[in-house]
C-alpha atoms as a PDB file:
ATOM      1  CA  UNK A   1      53.756 -26.646  54.652  1.00  0.00           C
ATOM      2  CA  UNK A   2      50.439 -28.542  54.554  1.00  0.00           C
ATOM      3  CA  UNK A   3      49.096 -26.331  57.353  1.00  0.00           C
ATOM      4  CA  UNK A   4      50.058 -23.253  55.347  1.00  0.00           C
ATOM      5  CA  UNK A   5      48.263 -24.585  52.244  1.00  0.00           C
ATOM      6  CA  UNK A   6      45.095 -25.348  54.227  1.00  0.00           C
ATOM      7  CA  UNK A   7      45.171 -21.910  55.834  1.00  0.00           C
ATOM      8  CA  UNK A   8      45.547 -20.245  52.442  1.00  0.00           C
ATOM      9  CA  UNK A   9      42.677 -22.307  50.983  1.00  0.00           C
ATOM     10  CA  UNK A  10      40.354 -21.386  53.862  1.00  0.00           C
ATOM     11  CA  UNK A  11      41.294 -17.730  53.536  1.00  0.00           C
ATOM     12  CA  UNK A  12      40.593 -17.753  49.774  1.00  0.00           C
ATOM     13  CA  UNK A  13      37.261 -19.456  50.359  1.00  0.00           C
ATOM     14  CA  UNK A  14      36.276 -16.851  52.950  1.00  0.00           C
ATOM     15  CA  UNK A  15      37.223 -13.992  50.630  1.00  0.00           C
ATOM     16  CA  UNK A  16      35.269 -15.546  47.738  1.00  0.00           C
ATOM     17  CA  UNK A  17      32.206 -16.052  49.929  1.00  0.00           C
ATOM     18  CA  UNK A  18      32.304 -12.479  51.210  1.00  0.00           C
ATOM     19  CA  UNK A  19      32.694 -11.131  47.675  1.00  0.00           C
ATOM     20  CA  UNK A  20      29.712 -13.153  46.518  1.00  0.00           C
ATOM     21  CA  UNK A  21      27.619 -11.806  49.364  1.00  0.00           C
ATOM     22  CA  UNK A  22      28.745  -8.267  48.608  1.00  0.00           C
ATOM     23  CA  UNK A  23      27.849  -8.670  44.903  1.00  0.00           C
ATOM     24  CA  UNK A  24      24.403  -9.960  45.794  1.00  0.00           C
ATOM     25  CA  UNK A  25      23.889  -7.053  48.166  1.00  0.00           C
ATOM     26  CA  UNK A  26      24.932  -4.585  45.438  1.00  0.00           C
ATOM     27  CA  UNK A  27      22.500  -5.903  42.848  1.00  0.00           C
ATOM     28  CA  UNK A  28      19.779  -3.351  42.143  1.00  0.00           C
ATOM     29  CA  UNK A  29      16.327  -4.550  43.152  1.00  0.00           C
ATOM     30  CA  UNK A  30      13.937  -3.113  40.546  1.00  0.00           C
ATOM     31  CA  UNK A  31      10.937  -5.311  41.318  1.00  0.00           C
ATOM     32  CA  UNK A  32       7.715  -3.297  41.367  1.00  0.00           C
ATOM     33  CA  UNK A  33       9.486  -0.105  40.264  1.00  0.00           C
ATOM     34  CA  UNK A  34       8.344   1.828  37.207  1.00  0.00           C
ATOM     35  CA  UNK A  35       9.458   4.941  35.376  1.00  0.00           C
ATOM     36  CA  UNK A  36       8.999   7.094  32.297  1.00  0.00           C
ATOM     37  CA  UNK A  37      10.477   6.563  28.862  1.00  0.00           C
ATOM     38  CA  UNK A  38      10.473   9.542  26.507  1.00  0.00           C
ATOM     39  CA  UNK A  39      10.598   9.068  22.737  1.00  0.00           C
ATOM     40  CA  UNK A  40      11.737  12.100  20.767  1.00  0.00           C
ATOM     41  CA  UNK A  41      10.976  11.902  17.044  1.00  0.00           C
ATOM     42  CA  UNK A  42      12.992  14.203  14.812  1.00  0.00           C
ATOM     43  CA  UNK A  43      12.192  14.322  11.086  1.00  0.00           C
ATOM     44  CA  UNK A  44      15.063  14.875   8.696  1.00  0.00           C
ATOM     45  CA  UNK A  45      15.963  14.681   5.022  1.00  0.00           C
ATOM     46  CA  UNK A  46      19.290  12.893   4.877  1.00  0.00           C
ATOM     47  CA  UNK A  47      21.599  14.761   7.240  1.00  0.00           C
ATOM     48  CA  UNK A  48      19.480  17.941   7.099  1.00  0.00           C
ATOM     49  CA  UNK A  49      16.777  18.875   9.557  1.00  0.00           C
ATOM     50  CA  UNK A  50      13.364  18.817   7.877  1.00  0.00           C
ATOM     51  CA  UNK A  51      11.742  22.242   7.368  1.00  0.00           C
ATOM     52  CA  UNK A  52       8.346  22.866   5.802  1.00  0.00           C
ATOM     53  CA  UNK A  53       8.309  24.404   2.315  1.00  0.00           C
ATOM     54  CA  UNK A  54      12.019  23.730   1.811  1.00  0.00           C
ATOM     55  CA  UNK A  55      12.980  22.136  -1.498  1.00  0.00           C
ATOM     56  CA  UNK A  56      14.843  18.825  -1.153  1.00  0.00           C
ATOM     57  CA  UNK A  57      16.445  16.921  -3.988  1.00  0.00           C
ATOM     58  CA  UNK A  58      15.947  13.215  -4.580  1.00  0.00           C
ATOM     59  CA  UNK A  59      17.109  10.798  -7.232  1.00  0.00           C
ATOM     60  CA  UNK A  60      16.422  11.234 -10.960  1.00  0.00           C
ATOM     61  CA  UNK A  61      16.691  15.048 -10.756  1.00  0.00           C
ATOM     62  CA  UNK A  62      13.398  15.299  -8.901  1.00  0.00           C
ATOM     63  CA  UNK A  63      12.711  17.463  -5.845  1.00  0.00           C
ATOM     64  CA  UNK A  64       9.938  17.899  -3.310  1.00  0.00           C
ATOM     65  CA  UNK A  65       8.576  20.419  -0.817  1.00  0.00           C
ATOM     66  CA  UNK A  66       6.193  19.335   1.940  1.00  0.00           C
ATOM     67  CA  UNK A  67       3.530  21.214   3.893  1.00  0.00           C
ATOM     68  CA  UNK A  68       2.262  18.250   5.915  1.00  0.00           C
ATOM     69  CA  UNK A  69       4.157  15.354   7.529  1.00  0.00           C
ATOM     70  CA  UNK A  70       2.321  12.881   9.768  1.00  0.00           C
ATOM     71  CA  UNK A  71       2.572   9.186  10.593  1.00  0.00           C
ATOM     72  CA  UNK A  72       1.029   6.748  13.066  1.00  0.00           C
ATOM     73  CA  UNK A  73       3.166   4.860  15.601  1.00  0.00           C
ATOM     74  CA  UNK A  74       1.672   1.946  17.557  1.00  0.00           C
ATOM     75  CA  UNK A  75       2.441  -1.259  19.470  1.00  0.00           C
ATOM     76  CA  UNK A  76       5.516   0.207  21.172  1.00  0.00           C
ATOM     77  CA  UNK A  77       7.522  -2.308  23.178  1.00  0.00           C
ATOM     78  CA  UNK A  78      11.030  -2.427  24.639  1.00  0.00           C
ATOM     79  CA  UNK A  79      13.328  -5.373  25.321  1.00  0.00           C
ATOM     80  CA  UNK A  80      15.767  -5.523  28.226  1.00  0.00           C
ATOM     81  CA  UNK A  81      19.205  -7.087  28.677  1.00  0.00           C
ATOM     82  CA  UNK A  82      17.624 -10.332  29.901  1.00  0.00           C
ATOM     83  CA  UNK A  83      15.462 -10.674  26.798  1.00  0.00           C
ATOM     84  CA  UNK A  84      12.243  -9.661  28.564  1.00  0.00           C
ATOM     85  CA  UNK A  85       9.833  -7.461  26.614  1.00  0.00           C
ATOM     86  CA  UNK A  86       7.624  -4.756  28.063  1.00  0.00           C
ATOM     87  CA  UNK A  87       4.659  -3.791  25.874  1.00  0.00           C
ATOM     88  CA  UNK A  88       2.900  -0.501  26.499  1.00  0.00           C
ATOM     89  CA  UNK A  89      -0.824  -0.956  27.355  1.00  0.00           C
ATOM     90  CA  UNK A  90      -2.818  -1.594  24.181  1.00  0.00           C
ATOM     91  CA  UNK A  91      -5.513   1.021  24.733  1.00  0.00           C
ATOM     92  CA  UNK A  92      -2.876   3.774  24.966  1.00  0.00           C
ATOM     93  CA  UNK A  93      -0.352   2.319  22.541  1.00  0.00           C
ATOM     94  CA  UNK A  94      -1.063   4.363  19.416  1.00  0.00           C
ATOM     95  CA  UNK A  95       0.180   7.869  18.547  1.00  0.00           C
ATOM     96  CA  UNK A  96       0.244  10.369  15.709  1.00  0.00           C
ATOM     97  CA  UNK A  97       3.644  11.938  15.085  1.00  0.00           C
ATOM     98  CA  UNK A  98       2.938  15.260  13.373  1.00  0.00           C
ATOM     99  CA  UNK A  99       5.593  17.745  12.361  1.00  0.00           C
ATOM    100  CA  UNK A 100       3.015  20.469  12.994  1.00  0.00           C
ATOM    101  CA  UNK A 101       3.153  19.564  16.695  1.00  0.00           C
ATOM    102  CA  UNK A 102       6.931  19.827  16.922  1.00  0.00           C
ATOM    103  CA  UNK A 103       8.779  22.332  19.055  1.00  0.00           C
ATOM    104  CA  UNK A 104      11.011  25.067  17.627  1.00  0.00           C
ATOM    105  CA  UNK A 105      13.613  22.439  16.822  1.00  0.00           C
ATOM    106  CA  UNK A 106      11.032  20.266  15.043  1.00  0.00           C
ATOM    107  CA  UNK A 107      11.064  17.587  17.755  1.00  0.00           C
ATOM    108  CA  UNK A 108       7.911  15.663  18.648  1.00  0.00           C
ATOM    109  CA  UNK A 109       7.775  14.048  22.094  1.00  0.00           C
ATOM    110  CA  UNK A 110       5.896  10.937  23.219  1.00  0.00           C
ATOM    111  CA  UNK A 111       6.042  10.136  26.936  1.00  0.00           C
ATOM    112  CA  UNK A 112       5.425   6.533  27.975  1.00  0.00           C
ATOM    113  CA  UNK A 113       4.415   6.218  31.626  1.00  0.00           C
ATOM    114  CA  UNK A 114       4.683   3.318  34.086  1.00  0.00           C
ATOM    115  CA  UNK A 115       7.329   1.393  32.160  1.00  0.00           C
ATOM    116  CA  UNK A 116       8.813  -1.491  34.156  1.00  0.00           C
ATOM    117  CA  UNK A 117      12.180  -0.407  35.552  1.00  0.00           C
ATOM    118  CA  UNK A 118      14.912  -2.296  33.704  1.00  0.00           C
ATOM    119  CA  UNK A 119      17.960  -1.923  31.467  1.00  0.00           C
ATOM    120  CA  UNK A 120      16.634  -1.829  27.909  1.00  0.00           C
ATOM    121  CA  UNK A 121      18.584  -2.522  24.723  1.00  0.00           C
ATOM    122  CA  UNK A 122      16.069  -2.132  21.884  1.00  0.00           C
ATOM    123  CA  UNK A 123      12.675  -0.774  20.884  1.00  0.00           C
ATOM    124  CA  UNK A 124      10.053  -2.121  18.478  1.00  0.00           C
ATOM    125  CA  UNK A 125       7.071  -0.228  17.135  1.00  0.00           C
ATOM    126  CA  UNK A 126       4.551  -0.491  14.347  1.00  0.00           C
ATOM    127  CA  UNK A 127       3.940   2.024  11.590  1.00  0.00           C
ATOM    128  CA  UNK A 128       0.179   2.266  11.272  1.00  0.00           C
ATOM    129  CA  UNK A 129      -2.653   0.151  12.656  1.00  0.00           C
ATOM    130  CA  UNK A 130      -2.448  -3.643  12.740  1.00  0.00           C
ATOM    131  CA  UNK A 131      -5.400  -5.830  11.773  1.00  0.00           C
ATOM    132  CA  UNK A 132      -6.058  -6.919  15.361  1.00  0.00           C
ATOM    133  CA  UNK A 133      -6.571  -3.342  16.532  1.00  0.00           C
ATOM    134  CA  UNK A 134      -8.598  -2.486  13.448  1.00  0.00           C
ATOM    135  CA  UNK A 135     -10.880  -5.483  14.081  1.00  0.00           C
ATOM    136  CA  UNK A 136     -11.898  -3.992  17.446  1.00  0.00           C
ATOM    137  CA  UNK A 137     -14.187  -1.668  15.512  1.00  0.00           C
ATOM    138  CA  UNK A 138     -15.136   1.907  16.325  1.00  0.00           C
ATOM    139  CA  UNK A 139     -15.771   1.206  20.023  1.00  0.00           C
ATOM    140  CA  UNK A 140     -12.403  -0.499  20.398  1.00  0.00           C
ATOM    141  CA  UNK A 141     -10.490   2.459  18.975  1.00  0.00           C
ATOM    142  CA  UNK A 142     -11.421   4.726  21.881  1.00  0.00           C
ATOM    143  CA  UNK A 143     -10.382   8.371  21.624  1.00  0.00           C
ATOM    144  CA  UNK A 144      -7.894   7.609  18.856  1.00  0.00           C
ATOM    145  CA  UNK A 145     -10.626   7.292  16.241  1.00  0.00           C
ATOM    146  CA  UNK A 146     -11.672  10.903  16.811  1.00  0.00           C
ATOM    147  CA  UNK A 147      -8.046  12.068  16.906  1.00  0.00           C
ATOM    148  CA  UNK A 148      -7.227  10.306  13.631  1.00  0.00           C
ATOM    149  CA  UNK A 149     -10.299  11.814  12.007  1.00  0.00           C
ATOM    150  CA  UNK A 150      -9.367  15.316  13.192  1.00  0.00           C
ATOM    151  CA  UNK A 151      -5.816  14.875  11.910  1.00  0.00           C
ATOM    152  CA  UNK A 152      -6.998  13.697   8.471  1.00  0.00           C
ATOM    153  CA  UNK A 153      -5.548  10.222   9.000  1.00  0.00           C
ATOM    154  CA  UNK A 154      -8.587   8.237   7.850  1.00  0.00           C
ATOM    155  CA  UNK A 155      -9.890   7.446   4.379  1.00  0.00           C
ATOM    156  CA  UNK A 156     -13.011   9.327   3.378  1.00  0.00           C
ATOM    157  CA  UNK A 157     -14.001   6.801   0.704  1.00  0.00           C
ATOM    158  CA  UNK A 158     -12.797   3.530   2.241  1.00  0.00           C
ATOM    159  CA  UNK A 159     -12.518   1.747   5.583  1.00  0.00           C
ATOM    160  CA  UNK A 160      -9.189   2.215   7.326  1.00  0.00           C
ATOM    161  CA  UNK A 161      -6.432   4.564   8.460  1.00  0.00           C
ATOM    162  CA  UNK A 162      -3.798   6.521   6.594  1.00  0.00           C
ATOM    163  CA  UNK A 163      -0.567   5.396   8.247  1.00  0.00           C
ATOM    164  CA  UNK A 164       1.526   8.075   6.572  1.00  0.00           C
ATOM    165  CA  UNK A 165       0.444  11.442   5.183  1.00  0.00           C
ATOM    166  CA  UNK A 166       2.890  13.614   3.247  1.00  0.00           C
ATOM    167  CA  UNK A 167       1.409  16.549   1.293  1.00  0.00           C
ATOM    168  CA  UNK A 168       3.201  19.151  -0.780  1.00  0.00           C
ATOM    169  CA  UNK A 169       4.551  19.663  -4.283  1.00  0.00           C
ATOM    170  CA  UNK A 170       7.202  18.134  -6.514  1.00  0.00           C
ATOM    171  CA  UNK A 171       9.292  19.291  -9.454  1.00  0.00           C
ATOM    172  CA  UNK A 172      11.107  17.444 -12.248  1.00  0.00           C
ATOM    173  CA  UNK A 173      12.982  18.447 -15.391  1.00  0.00           C
ATOM    174  CA  UNK A 174       9.657  19.073 -17.109  1.00  0.00           C
ATOM    175  CA  UNK A 175       7.199  20.260 -14.401  1.00  0.00           C
ATOM    176  CA  UNK A 176       7.351  22.598 -11.394  1.00  0.00           C
ATOM    177  CA  UNK A 177       5.416  22.568  -8.131  1.00  0.00           C
ATOM    178  CA  UNK A 178       2.935  19.877  -9.087  1.00  0.00           C
ATOM    179  CA  UNK A 179       0.730  18.408  -6.299  1.00  0.00           C
ATOM    180  CA  UNK A 180       2.330  15.630  -4.230  1.00  0.00           C
ATOM    181  CA  UNK A 181       0.224  13.467  -1.901  1.00  0.00           C
ATOM    182  CA  UNK A 182       1.628  10.305  -0.298  1.00  0.00           C
ATOM    183  CA  UNK A 183      -1.189   8.707   1.728  1.00  0.00           C
ATOM    184  CA  UNK A 184      -0.165   5.149   2.598  1.00  0.00           C
ATOM    185  CA  UNK A 185      -2.260   2.868   4.783  1.00  0.00           C
ATOM    186  CA  UNK A 186      -4.430  -0.229   4.914  1.00  0.00           C
ATOM    187  CA  UNK A 187      -7.879  -0.618   3.443  1.00  0.00           C
ATOM    188  CA  UNK A 188      -9.753  -2.964   5.753  1.00  0.00           C
ATOM    189  CA  UNK A 189      -8.399  -6.502   5.434  1.00  0.00           C
ATOM    190  CA  UNK A 190      -8.083  -6.302   1.653  1.00  0.00           C
ATOM    191  CA  UNK A 191      -4.842  -4.290   1.714  1.00  0.00           C
ATOM    192  CA  UNK A 192      -2.631  -4.626   4.799  1.00  0.00           C
ATOM    193  CA  UNK A 193       0.340  -2.233   4.824  1.00  0.00           C
ATOM    194  CA  UNK A 194       1.119  -2.407   8.556  1.00  0.00           C
ATOM    195  CA  UNK A 195       4.861  -2.754   9.167  1.00  0.00           C
ATOM    196  CA  UNK A 196       7.093  -2.966  12.256  1.00  0.00           C
ATOM    197  CA  UNK A 197      10.627  -1.817  12.916  1.00  0.00           C
ATOM    198  CA  UNK A 198      13.097  -2.841  15.639  1.00  0.00           C
ATOM    199  CA  UNK A 199      15.895  -0.435  16.590  1.00  0.00           C
ATOM    200  CA  UNK A 200      18.865  -1.158  18.840  1.00  0.00           C
ATOM    201  CA  UNK A 201      19.900   1.453  21.379  1.00  0.00           C
ATOM    202  CA  UNK A 202      23.509   2.728  21.082  1.00  0.00           C
ATOM    203  CA  UNK A 203      23.752   2.426  24.867  1.00  0.00           C
ATOM    204  CA  UNK A 204      21.585   0.797  27.505  1.00  0.00           C
ATOM    205  CA  UNK A 205      18.424   2.720  28.416  1.00  0.00           C
ATOM    206  CA  UNK A 206      18.025   2.798  32.193  1.00  0.00           C
ATOM    207  CA  UNK A 207      14.378   3.181  33.145  1.00  0.00           C
ATOM    208  CA  UNK A 208      14.103   4.042  36.834  1.00  0.00           C
ATOM    209  CA  UNK A 209      11.635   5.762  39.140  1.00  0.00           C
ATOM    210  CA  UNK A 210      13.962   8.699  39.700  1.00  0.00           C
ATOM    211  CA  UNK A 211      14.945   9.422  36.064  1.00  0.00           C
ATOM    212  CA  UNK A 212      13.301   9.546  32.651  1.00  0.00           C
ATOM    213  CA  UNK A 213      15.591   8.448  29.817  1.00  0.00           C
ATOM    214  CA  UNK A 214      15.094  10.039  26.414  1.00  0.00           C
ATOM    215  CA  UNK A 215      15.474   8.161  23.132  1.00  0.00           C
ATOM    216  CA  UNK A 216      16.169  10.396  20.122  1.00  0.00           C
ATOM    217  CA  UNK A 217      14.705   8.746  16.996  1.00  0.00           C
ATOM    218  CA  UNK A 218      15.509  10.309  13.633  1.00  0.00           C
ATOM    219  CA  UNK A 219      13.081   9.704  10.758  1.00  0.00           C
ATOM    220  CA  UNK A 220      14.700  10.309   7.369  1.00  0.00           C
ATOM    221  CA  UNK A 221      11.820  11.344   5.092  1.00  0.00           C
ATOM    222  CA  UNK A 222      13.946  11.018   1.948  1.00  0.00           C
ATOM    223  CA  UNK A 223      13.821   7.238   2.381  1.00  0.00           C
ATOM    224  CA  UNK A 224      10.101   7.278   1.617  1.00  0.00           C
ATOM    225  CA  UNK A 225      11.189   7.894  -1.980  1.00  0.00           C
ATOM    226  CA  UNK A 226      14.735   6.475  -1.961  1.00  0.00           C
ATOM    227  CA  UNK A 227      14.517   3.653   0.593  1.00  0.00           C
ATOM    228  CA  UNK A 228      14.387  -0.086  -0.047  1.00  0.00           C
ATOM    229  CA  UNK A 229      13.016   0.828  -3.491  1.00  0.00           C
ATOM    230  CA  UNK A 230      13.605   4.063  -5.393  1.00  0.00           C
ATOM    231  CA  UNK A 231      10.378   5.553  -6.716  1.00  0.00           C
ATOM    232  CA  UNK A 232       9.910   8.474  -9.048  1.00  0.00           C
ATOM    233  CA  UNK A 233       7.149  11.062  -9.048  1.00  0.00           C
ATOM    234  CA  UNK A 234       7.156  11.039 -12.851  1.00  0.00           C
ATOM    235  CA  UNK A 235       6.267   7.333 -12.774  1.00  0.00           C
ATOM    236  CA  UNK A 236       3.059   7.854 -10.803  1.00  0.00           C
ATOM    237  CA  UNK A 237       4.369   8.095  -7.254  1.00  0.00           C
ATOM    238  CA  UNK A 238       3.199  11.710  -6.984  1.00  0.00           C
ATOM    239  CA  UNK A 239      -0.283  10.510  -5.962  1.00  0.00           C
ATOM    240  CA  UNK A 240      -0.176   7.420  -3.728  1.00  0.00           C
ATOM    241  CA  UNK A 241      -3.396   6.436  -2.000  1.00  0.00           C
ATOM    242  CA  UNK A 242      -4.881   2.924  -2.038  1.00  0.00           C
ATOM    243  CA  UNK A 243      -3.143   1.352  -5.026  1.00  0.00           C
ATOM    244  CA  UNK A 244      -2.274  -2.262  -4.201  1.00  0.00           C
ATOM    245  CA  UNK A 245       1.044  -2.045  -6.050  1.00  0.00           C
ATOM    246  CA  UNK A 246       2.300   1.384  -4.981  1.00  0.00           C
ATOM    247  CA  UNK A 247       1.316   1.438  -1.304  1.00  0.00           C
ATOM    248  CA  UNK A 248       3.232  -1.727  -0.238  1.00  0.00           C
ATOM    249  CA  UNK A 249       6.386  -0.254  -1.797  1.00  0.00           C
ATOM    250  CA  UNK A 250       5.919   2.987   0.128  1.00  0.00           C
ATOM    251  CA  UNK A 251       5.174   0.982   3.307  1.00  0.00           C
ATOM    252  CA  UNK A 252       8.453  -0.923   2.970  1.00  0.00           C
ATOM    253  CA  UNK A 253      10.339   2.311   2.294  1.00  0.00           C
ATOM    254  CA  UNK A 254       8.819   3.976   5.374  1.00  0.00           C
ATOM    255  CA  UNK A 255      10.033   0.993   7.403  1.00  0.00           C
ATOM    256  CA  UNK A 256      13.638   2.069   6.616  1.00  0.00           C
ATOM    257  CA  UNK A 257      13.183   5.705   7.782  1.00  0.00           C
ATOM    258  CA  UNK A 258      13.957   5.292  11.457  1.00  0.00           C
ATOM    259  CA  UNK A 259      17.150   5.070  13.494  1.00  0.00           C
ATOM    260  CA  UNK A 260      18.074   5.821  17.092  1.00  0.00           C
ATOM    261  CA  UNK A 261      20.499   8.741  16.955  1.00  0.00           C
ATOM    262  CA  UNK A 262      21.359   8.799  20.668  1.00  0.00           C
ATOM    263  CA  UNK A 263      20.041   8.153  24.171  1.00  0.00           C
ATOM    264  CA  UNK A 264      20.017  10.359  27.287  1.00  0.00           C
ATOM    265  CA  UNK A 265      19.744   8.559  30.627  1.00  0.00           C
ATOM    266  CA  UNK A 266      19.507  11.737  32.734  1.00  0.00           C
END
């Protein structure tokens, strides 16, 4: 009986050892491997796809129509299942998401190259330009300074960037098609409206050399007006520029716009 027990114990040990070796052999070695990560931004109004010149209702019987929708995304970084964070290179880590540049479905693509291969669970990005980047001055902005100027994303009368630019018209119970201009940003160091958002992926994003996963991010524009704080055009939120009271409220509302709708790992 003792001999049988010893034999069984040795056999179990051998099986366990072989299984451990097999598991180690099956672990994917991703060291030194990189791949692409594609971010697809898709502007919406609630559960509707955003369309220029379409009238959308908001709270307080107000409505809006937009002819221009742009915002700056920067400091993109992704976190993997082990808690490691990969930050896209600083000099390239700033983008303008413009509805005018969308495809027929209104989708705007940003392709991030040479991302460390890993299994990623969340993404963080900034809305606008942080003070550290701004402090680099004109030379430190590289080509983005010219791009932002061309896209109308800089103040003409102050120092700094417009982080968000929504232009169009609004209507209420008493007025129709009045000008609407939401230009939220920072003004030097005096008014800092830079915000960041972290979004969890609904399933793990597998960045590999042989495939380019796609993250579909929906931006609900209605939350600019009905987000963390509800604002009304009739109360002065039809013209938002550099006001130190209004712009932080819009900045916090914009922070609530984004969610990851789905992920493709193909």
